[in-house]
Amino acid sequence: MVDFTSPGLLSHPAEHSQSIGGTISSILSNAGQFFSQLAHLSWISLLIGMGLYAIYLLLRSRALFNAVRAAYPEERVRWRDVWGGYMVGYAINNVFPLGGGNIAQLFLTRTSIERASYPTVAAALSTGVICDWLIGLLIMCYAFTQGVFPKPPDFSKLPAFDISFFAANMRFTLFFITFLGFAFLVAFALLSAKVRTFWQRVRQGYTILRDRRRFVRQMVSWQAVSWVFRFAAYWALLDAFHIGGSVRNALLVLGVQVVASVFPFTPGGAGVQQALLLQIFAHTPYVAAFSVGQQIATAALSSALGFVALVFIFRFRSFKEVMARARAHRQSDGVPLSEPPEPGRPEPDPERLSRIA
């Protein structure tokens, strides 16, 4: 049995519990500096950055749309629905931790396609990770050669409770990863009766990966261009906060976001981003405002776009409503739209399905 109280597995629990409050306090303090320095921002650069960021999100949604359309070539798949689901999920993830927006994105995309299943849609949406992590790996290789990005062993010294905790307690981290793997195997065994159907649907979601030319043309190309716009957006944001836009600085910011995406324990990885940015750009007096301000700006943009999509595309009134409906729909006993009704079982009520969707 593993002893969680042993020093080797979980060291300095009080220190990490204090750092949770310290992380929150630091975020609020830097947010205060951001608002106090609003008058000194370069608003033209800020607006340019926000416009470029909106284009980045649009291009990325097109890549996801192509993956979903490849999985359902005979169904009606609309780009605006995939974009809307992506924007709602992105907005929720920027406000709430632990990736809750992914549930909303999956639900909205799934219900916008008449005969879709959750495993297929989830698999199709996950295909974008391949290109993202490849580009992210190249960016991280560059960041670690610049002499200002902390090495992984030094992550435990960062004033961000999530990344410092896991970095300082490697035995617990390995145990946690092993536990997740074991839980997955147990769930797989318990669902063995449905495994064949499940994997058939997952395989359907990965359709675009089996056509190399189509994958490169309809996914990799769109994602690569989207990363160019993301890079340009942060160049403009660095200028807006008077840190200085450059190839090096923009790539370092993207490297920070790659690391933060692994630790979604604060909204948008805010704690990790702030801790890394404060260390990387320690030479500039504006870094505190930038570390929080750029997240506030992108979160405000994505929240506005997500709310527009929520109201005008999916006809919901709030993010809370769509999250509740997503959980209810996933657990409902209704007939899945991807399967025909069983013999002797009545057809689904169209009015009920329209209310769900």
Protein backbone atom coordinates (compact mmCIF):
# COMPACT_ATOMS: atom_id res chain seq x y z
CA MET A 1 0.00 0.00 0.00
CA VAL A 2 1.24 3.46 -0.82
CA ASP A 3 1.75 5.77 2.13
CA PHE A 4 0.66 9.25 1.10
CA THR A 5 2.12 10.71 4.27
CA SER A 6 5.66 9.57 3.55
CA PRO A 7 8.07 12.45 2.87
CA GLY A 8 9.22 10.94 -0.39
CA LEU A 9 5.75 10.80 -1.90
CA LEU A 10 4.09 14.00 -0.72
CA SER A 11 6.61 16.51 0.54
CA HIS A 12 5.79 19.77 2.26
CA PRO A 13 1.98 19.65 2.03
CA ALA A 14 1.67 22.87 4.02
CA GLU A 15 3.94 24.65 1.57
CA HIS A 16 1.77 23.67 -1.38
CA SER A 17 -1.48 24.46 0.41
CA GLN A 18 -0.09 27.94 1.11
CA SER A 19 0.97 28.32 -2.51
CA ILE A 20 -2.64 27.83 -3.62
CA GLY A 21 -3.59 30.98 -1.77
CA GLY A 22 -0.39 32.62 -2.93
CA THR A 23 -1.18 31.83 -6.57
CA ILE A 24 -4.66 33.31 -6.27
CA SER A 25 -3.34 36.36 -4.42
CA SER A 26 -0.64 36.89 -7.06
CA ILE A 27 -3.18 36.65 -9.89
CA LEU A 28 -5.45 39.20 -8.22
CA SER A 29 -2.52 41.52 -7.51
CA ASN A 30 -1.30 41.40 -11.10
CA ALA A 31 -4.85 41.87 -12.34
CA GLY A 32 -4.97 45.04 -10.27
CA GLN A 33 -1.78 46.23 -11.94
CA PHE A 34 -3.29 45.48 -15.33
CA PHE A 35 -6.38 47.60 -14.66
CA SER A 36 -4.27 50.39 -13.16
CA GLN A 37 -2.16 50.52 -16.33
CA LEU A 38 -5.03 50.49 -18.84
CA ALA A 39 -4.34 54.10 -19.78
CA HIS A 40 -0.77 53.18 -20.78
CA LEU A 41 -1.73 50.33 -23.11
CA SER A 42 -1.28 50.61 -26.85
CA TRP A 43 -4.92 50.16 -27.78
CA ILE A 44 -4.28 49.87 -31.50
CA SER A 45 -1.89 46.95 -30.93
CA LEU A 46 -4.37 45.42 -28.50
CA LEU A 47 -7.21 45.55 -31.02
CA ILE A 48 -4.96 44.15 -33.75
CA GLY A 49 -3.97 41.31 -31.44
CA MET A 50 -7.60 40.54 -30.63
CA GLY A 51 -8.51 40.52 -34.33
CA LEU A 52 -5.64 38.15 -35.14
CA TYR A 53 -6.64 35.92 -32.23
CA ALA A 54 -10.23 35.72 -33.48
CA ILE A 55 -8.91 34.62 -36.89
CA TYR A 56 -6.74 31.99 -35.17
CA LEU A 57 -9.83 30.53 -33.48
CA LEU A 58 -11.78 30.61 -36.76
CA LEU A 59 -9.06 28.77 -38.69
CA ARG A 60 -8.69 26.14 -35.99
CA SER A 61 -12.43 25.50 -36.01
CA ARG A 62 -12.22 24.90 -39.77
CA ALA A 63 -9.69 22.13 -39.20
CA LEU A 64 -12.00 20.51 -36.63
CA PHE A 65 -14.93 20.89 -39.01
CA ASN A 66 -13.01 19.00 -41.71
CA ALA A 67 -12.30 16.16 -39.28
CA VAL A 68 -15.96 15.88 -38.24
CA ARG A 69 -17.14 16.09 -41.86
CA ALA A 70 -14.75 13.28 -42.82
CA ALA A 71 -16.26 11.11 -40.08
CA TYR A 72 -19.82 11.83 -41.30
CA PRO A 73 -19.60 12.21 -45.09
CA GLU A 74 -23.31 11.44 -45.56
CA GLU A 75 -24.59 13.74 -42.83
CA ARG A 76 -25.15 17.47 -42.91
CA VAL A 77 -22.29 19.07 -40.96
CA ARG A 78 -22.20 22.86 -40.79
CA TRP A 79 -19.03 24.82 -40.14
CA ARG A 80 -20.92 27.36 -38.03
CA ASP A 81 -22.07 24.61 -35.64
CA VAL A 82 -18.54 23.25 -35.19
CA TRP A 83 -17.18 26.79 -34.77
CA GLY A 84 -19.94 27.60 -32.29
CA GLY A 85 -19.31 24.48 -30.22
CA TYR A 86 -15.59 25.18 -30.22
CA MET A 87 -16.09 28.80 -29.13
CA VAL A 88 -18.48 27.85 -26.31
CA GLY A 89 -16.06 25.21 -25.03
CA TYR A 90 -13.09 27.57 -25.36
CA ALA A 91 -14.94 30.30 -23.46
CA ILE A 92 -15.90 27.95 -20.61
CA ASN A 93 -12.33 26.64 -20.29
CA ASN A 94 -11.10 30.23 -19.95
CA VAL A 95 -13.45 30.82 -17.01
CA PHE A 96 -13.62 27.43 -15.28
CA PRO A 97 -10.75 24.97 -14.60
CA LEU A 98 -10.35 21.27 -15.43
CA GLY A 99 -11.52 21.44 -19.03
CA GLY A 100 -15.26 21.55 -18.41
CA GLY A 101 -15.70 23.35 -21.71
CA ASN A 102 -14.74 20.18 -23.57
CA ILE A 103 -18.00 18.61 -22.38
CA ALA A 104 -20.01 21.52 -23.73
CA GLN A 105 -18.15 21.46 -27.05
CA LEU A 106 -18.74 17.73 -27.43
CA PHE A 107 -22.44 18.05 -26.58
CA LEU A 108 -23.11 20.96 -28.94
CA THR A 109 -21.22 19.39 -31.84
CA ARG A 110 -22.87 16.01 -31.28
CA THR A 111 -26.42 17.37 -31.17
CA SER A 112 -25.89 19.50 -34.29
CA ILE A 113 -25.40 16.35 -36.40
CA GLU A 114 -28.53 14.26 -36.86
CA ARG A 115 -27.11 10.74 -36.57
CA ALA A 116 -23.95 11.20 -34.54
CA SER A 117 -22.46 9.46 -31.53
CA TYR A 118 -20.33 10.82 -28.73
CA PRO A 119 -17.33 8.48 -29.30
CA THR A 120 -17.13 9.39 -32.99
CA VAL A 121 -17.43 13.14 -32.45
CA ALA A 122 -14.95 13.05 -29.55
CA ALA A 123 -12.43 11.13 -31.66
CA ALA A 124 -12.84 13.54 -34.59
CA LEU A 125 -12.35 16.59 -32.38
CA SER A 126 -9.25 15.05 -30.79
CA THR A 127 -7.42 14.70 -34.12
CA GLY A 128 -6.34 18.33 -33.84
CA VAL A 129 -4.09 17.42 -30.92
CA ILE A 130 -1.59 15.69 -33.22
CA CYS A 131 -0.56 18.81 -35.11
CA ASP A 132 -0.83 21.02 -32.04
CA TRP A 133 1.57 18.90 -30.00
CA LEU A 134 4.01 18.58 -32.87
CA ILE A 135 4.15 22.36 -33.27
CA GLY A 136 4.19 22.77 -29.49
CA LEU A 137 7.17 20.41 -29.22
CA LEU A 138 9.14 22.46 -31.75
CA ILE A 139 8.31 25.65 -29.87
CA MET A 140 9.41 24.11 -26.56
CA CYS A 141 12.71 22.99 -28.10
CA TYR A 142 13.33 26.59 -29.12
CA ALA A 143 12.23 27.99 -25.74
CA PHE A 144 14.63 25.76 -23.79
CA THR A 145 17.57 27.00 -25.91
CA GLN A 146 17.04 30.66 -24.96
CA GLY A 147 18.43 30.44 -21.44
CA VAL A 148 15.43 32.11 -19.77
CA PHE A 149 12.90 29.29 -19.80
CA PRO A 150 13.07 27.20 -16.58
CA LYS A 151 14.08 23.58 -16.97
CA PRO A 152 11.55 20.91 -15.92
CA PRO A 153 13.41 20.12 -12.64
CA ASP A 154 13.03 23.80 -11.69
CA PHE A 155 9.24 23.76 -12.17
CA SER A 156 8.91 22.75 -8.49
CA LYS A 157 10.28 26.19 -7.51
CA LEU A 158 7.67 28.14 -9.46
CA PRO A 159 5.02 30.03 -7.45
CA ALA A 160 2.15 28.10 -9.04
CA PHE A 161 0.64 25.40 -6.85
CA ASP A 162 -0.41 23.01 -9.64
CA ILE A 163 2.84 22.68 -11.59
CA SER A 164 5.08 23.01 -8.51
CA PHE A 165 3.15 20.31 -6.64
CA PHE A 166 3.45 17.69 -9.38
CA ALA A 167 7.08 18.62 -10.12
CA ALA A 168 8.08 18.42 -6.44
CA ASN A 169 6.30 15.10 -5.85
CA MET A 170 7.35 12.91 -8.74
CA ARG A 171 6.47 9.66 -6.95
CA PHE A 172 2.92 10.87 -6.40
CA THR A 173 2.76 12.11 -10.00
CA LEU A 174 3.81 8.70 -11.32
CA PHE A 175 1.32 7.02 -8.99
CA PHE A 176 -1.44 9.36 -10.20
CA ILE A 177 -0.68 8.63 -13.86
CA THR A 178 -0.59 4.89 -13.14
CA PHE A 179 -3.90 5.13 -11.29
CA LEU A 180 -5.53 6.86 -14.26
CA GLY A 181 -4.23 4.15 -16.58
CA PHE A 182 -5.52 1.41 -14.26
CA ALA A 183 -8.93 3.11 -14.00
CA PHE A 184 -9.12 3.23 -17.80
CA LEU A 185 -8.39 -0.52 -18.04
CA VAL A 186 -11.04 -1.31 -15.41
CA ALA A 187 -13.62 0.78 -17.25
CA PHE A 188 -12.63 -0.93 -20.49
CA ALA A 189 -13.17 -4.35 -18.90
CA LEU A 190 -16.53 -3.40 -17.41
CA LEU A 191 -17.74 -2.17 -20.78
CA SER A 192 -16.37 -5.16 -22.67
CA ALA A 193 -19.83 -6.05 -23.96
CA LYS A 194 -19.94 -2.75 -25.82
CA VAL A 195 -16.25 -2.49 -26.69
CA ARG A 196 -16.60 -3.55 -30.31
CA THR A 197 -19.30 -0.98 -31.07
CA PHE A 198 -17.41 1.66 -29.13
CA TRP A 199 -14.15 1.17 -31.03
CA GLN A 200 -15.99 1.10 -34.35
CA ARG A 201 -17.33 4.55 -33.56
CA VAL A 202 -13.93 5.78 -32.40
CA ARG A 203 -12.36 4.46 -35.59
CA GLN A 204 -15.01 6.32 -37.58
CA GLY A 205 -13.96 9.55 -35.85
CA TYR A 206 -10.36 9.04 -37.01
CA THR A 207 -11.38 8.72 -40.67
CA ILE A 208 -9.38 11.74 -41.76
CA LEU A 209 -6.16 10.26 -40.34
CA ARG A 210 -6.38 7.31 -42.74
CA ASP A 211 -6.16 9.58 -45.76
CA ARG A 212 -2.74 11.23 -45.52
CA ARG A 213 -3.27 13.75 -48.29
CA ARG A 214 -6.64 14.80 -46.95
CA PHE A 215 -5.26 15.07 -43.43
CA VAL A 216 -2.44 17.34 -44.57
CA ARG A 217 -4.65 19.42 -46.85
CA GLN A 218 -7.71 19.80 -44.62
CA MET A 219 -6.23 19.70 -41.13
CA VAL A 220 -2.49 20.29 -40.94
CA SER A 221 -2.56 23.20 -43.39
CA TRP A 222 -5.42 24.96 -41.54
CA GLN A 223 -3.81 24.40 -38.15
CA ALA A 224 -0.39 25.55 -39.34
CA VAL A 225 -1.87 28.80 -40.66
CA SER A 226 -3.84 29.21 -37.42
CA TRP A 227 -0.61 28.99 -35.42
CA VAL A 228 0.85 31.76 -37.59
CA PHE A 229 -2.07 33.99 -36.63
CA ARG A 230 -1.73 32.97 -32.98
CA PHE A 231 1.97 33.91 -33.12
CA ALA A 232 1.13 37.26 -34.73
CA ALA A 233 -1.59 37.90 -32.13
CA TYR A 234 0.85 37.56 -29.24
CA TRP A 235 3.42 39.68 -31.06
CA ALA A 236 0.80 42.45 -31.12
CA LEU A 237 -0.16 41.84 -27.47
CA LEU A 238 3.48 42.09 -26.41
CA ASP A 239 3.61 45.45 -28.16
CA ALA A 240 0.35 46.50 -26.54
CA PHE A 241 1.83 45.92 -23.06
CA HIS A 242 5.17 47.58 -23.99
CA ILE A 243 7.19 44.39 -23.54
CA GLY A 244 8.20 44.39 -27.18
CA GLY A 245 6.97 42.15 -29.96
CA SER A 246 9.61 39.94 -31.56
CA VAL A 247 10.01 36.42 -32.89
CA ARG A 248 11.79 35.37 -29.71
CA ASN A 249 9.32 36.91 -27.27
CA ALA A 250 6.24 35.63 -29.11
CA LEU A 251 7.66 32.09 -29.26
CA LEU A 252 8.46 32.21 -25.54
CA VAL A 253 4.86 33.18 -24.77
CA LEU A 254 3.60 30.30 -26.92
CA GLY A 255 6.02 27.97 -25.10
CA VAL A 256 4.51 29.10 -21.79
CA GLN A 257 1.04 28.27 -23.08
CA VAL A 258 2.15 24.80 -24.20
CA VAL A 259 3.28 24.05 -20.63
CA ALA A 260 0.14 25.61 -19.13
CA SER A 261 -2.10 23.42 -21.30
CA VAL A 262 -0.80 20.35 -19.43
CA PHE A 263 -1.93 21.77 -16.07
CA PRO A 264 -5.55 22.97 -16.49
CA PHE A 265 -6.14 23.31 -12.73
CA THR A 266 -6.73 27.05 -13.03
CA PRO A 267 -8.85 28.67 -15.76
CA GLY A 268 -6.79 28.73 -18.94
CA GLY A 269 -3.75 27.60 -16.94
CA ALA A 270 -3.59 31.12 -15.45
CA GLY A 271 -1.39 30.18 -12.50
CA VAL A 272 1.24 28.41 -14.60
CA GLN A 273 1.25 31.11 -17.28
CA GLN A 274 1.70 33.88 -14.75
CA ALA A 275 4.54 32.12 -12.89
CA LEU A 276 6.47 31.36 -16.07
CA LEU A 277 5.95 34.78 -17.65
CA LEU A 278 7.11 36.57 -14.49
CA GLN A 279 10.35 34.61 -14.63
CA ILE A 280 10.97 34.82 -18.37
CA PHE A 281 10.28 38.56 -18.70
CA ALA A 282 11.55 39.58 -15.26
CA HIS A 283 13.59 42.40 -16.83
CA THR A 284 10.54 44.47 -17.79
CA PRO A 285 8.34 46.41 -15.32
CA TYR A 286 5.22 45.66 -17.37
CA VAL A 287 5.38 41.86 -17.10
CA ALA A 288 3.00 41.64 -14.12
CA ALA A 289 0.28 43.46 -16.04
CA PHE A 290 0.96 41.41 -19.18
CA SER A 291 0.94 38.05 -17.34
CA VAL A 292 -2.72 38.57 -16.42
CA GLY A 293 -3.79 41.18 -18.95
CA GLN A 294 -3.24 39.03 -22.03
CA GLN A 295 -5.38 36.30 -20.46
CA ILE A 296 -8.12 38.75 -19.53
CA ALA A 297 -8.13 40.11 -23.08
CA THR A 298 -8.28 36.70 -24.80
CA ALA A 299 -10.81 35.38 -22.24
CA ALA A 300 -13.06 38.41 -22.82
CA LEU A 301 -12.85 37.91 -26.58
CA SER A 302 -13.56 34.17 -26.46
CA SER A 303 -16.37 34.68 -23.92
CA ALA A 304 -18.04 37.24 -26.17
CA LEU A 305 -17.74 34.99 -29.24
CA GLY A 306 -18.86 31.97 -27.23
CA PHE A 307 -21.92 33.78 -25.89
CA VAL A 308 -22.87 34.95 -29.39
CA ALA A 309 -22.62 31.34 -30.63
CA LEU A 310 -24.55 30.07 -27.62
CA VAL A 311 -27.48 32.43 -28.14
CA PHE A 312 -27.71 32.80 -31.92
CA ILE A 313 -26.61 29.34 -33.09
CA PHE A 314 -27.67 26.97 -30.31
CA ARG A 315 -30.45 29.05 -28.70
CA PHE A 316 -29.23 28.71 -25.12
CA ARG A 317 -29.36 31.57 -22.63
CA SER A 318 -26.27 30.90 -20.49
CA PHE A 319 -23.12 28.78 -20.23
CA LYS A 320 -24.54 27.22 -17.06
CA GLU A 321 -27.61 26.04 -18.94
CA VAL A 322 -25.63 24.36 -21.69
CA MET A 323 -23.39 22.57 -19.16
CA ALA A 324 -26.44 21.24 -17.29
CA ARG A 325 -28.11 20.16 -20.53
CA ALA A 326 -24.91 18.45 -21.69
CA ARG A 327 -24.71 16.32 -18.55
CA ALA A 328 -28.42 15.48 -18.70
CA HIS A 329 -28.25 14.55 -22.37
CA ARG A 330 -25.20 12.34 -21.88
CA GLN A 331 -26.93 10.43 -19.09
CA SER A 332 -30.38 10.28 -20.68
CA ASP A 333 -32.04 7.00 -21.56
CA GLY A 334 -33.22 8.21 -24.96
CA VAL A 335 -32.40 6.35 -28.16
CA PRO A 336 -28.96 7.41 -29.51
CA LEU A 337 -29.37 9.21 -32.79
CA SER A 338 -26.56 7.16 -34.28
CA GLU A 339 -28.54 3.90 -33.95
CA PRO A 340 -31.88 2.75 -35.37
CA PRO A 341 -34.60 1.99 -32.82
CA GLU A 342 -34.83 -1.54 -31.53
CA PRO A 343 -37.59 -3.76 -32.96
CA GLY A 344 -40.85 -3.08 -31.23
CA ARG A 345 -39.51 0.11 -29.67
CA PRO A 346 -41.29 3.36 -30.59
CA GLU A 347 -39.56 5.97 -32.72
CA PRO A 348 -38.03 8.91 -30.81
CA ASP A 349 -40.32 11.88 -30.40
CA PRO A 350 -39.04 14.61 -32.79
CA GLU A 351 -40.26 17.39 -30.48
CA ARG A 352 -38.37 15.87 -27.54
CA LEU A 353 -35.19 15.56 -29.59
CA SER A 354 -35.49 19.15 -30.79
CA ARG A 355 -35.75 20.31 -27.20
CA ILE A 356 -32.64 18.33 -26.29
CA ALA A 357 -30.70 19.66 -29.27
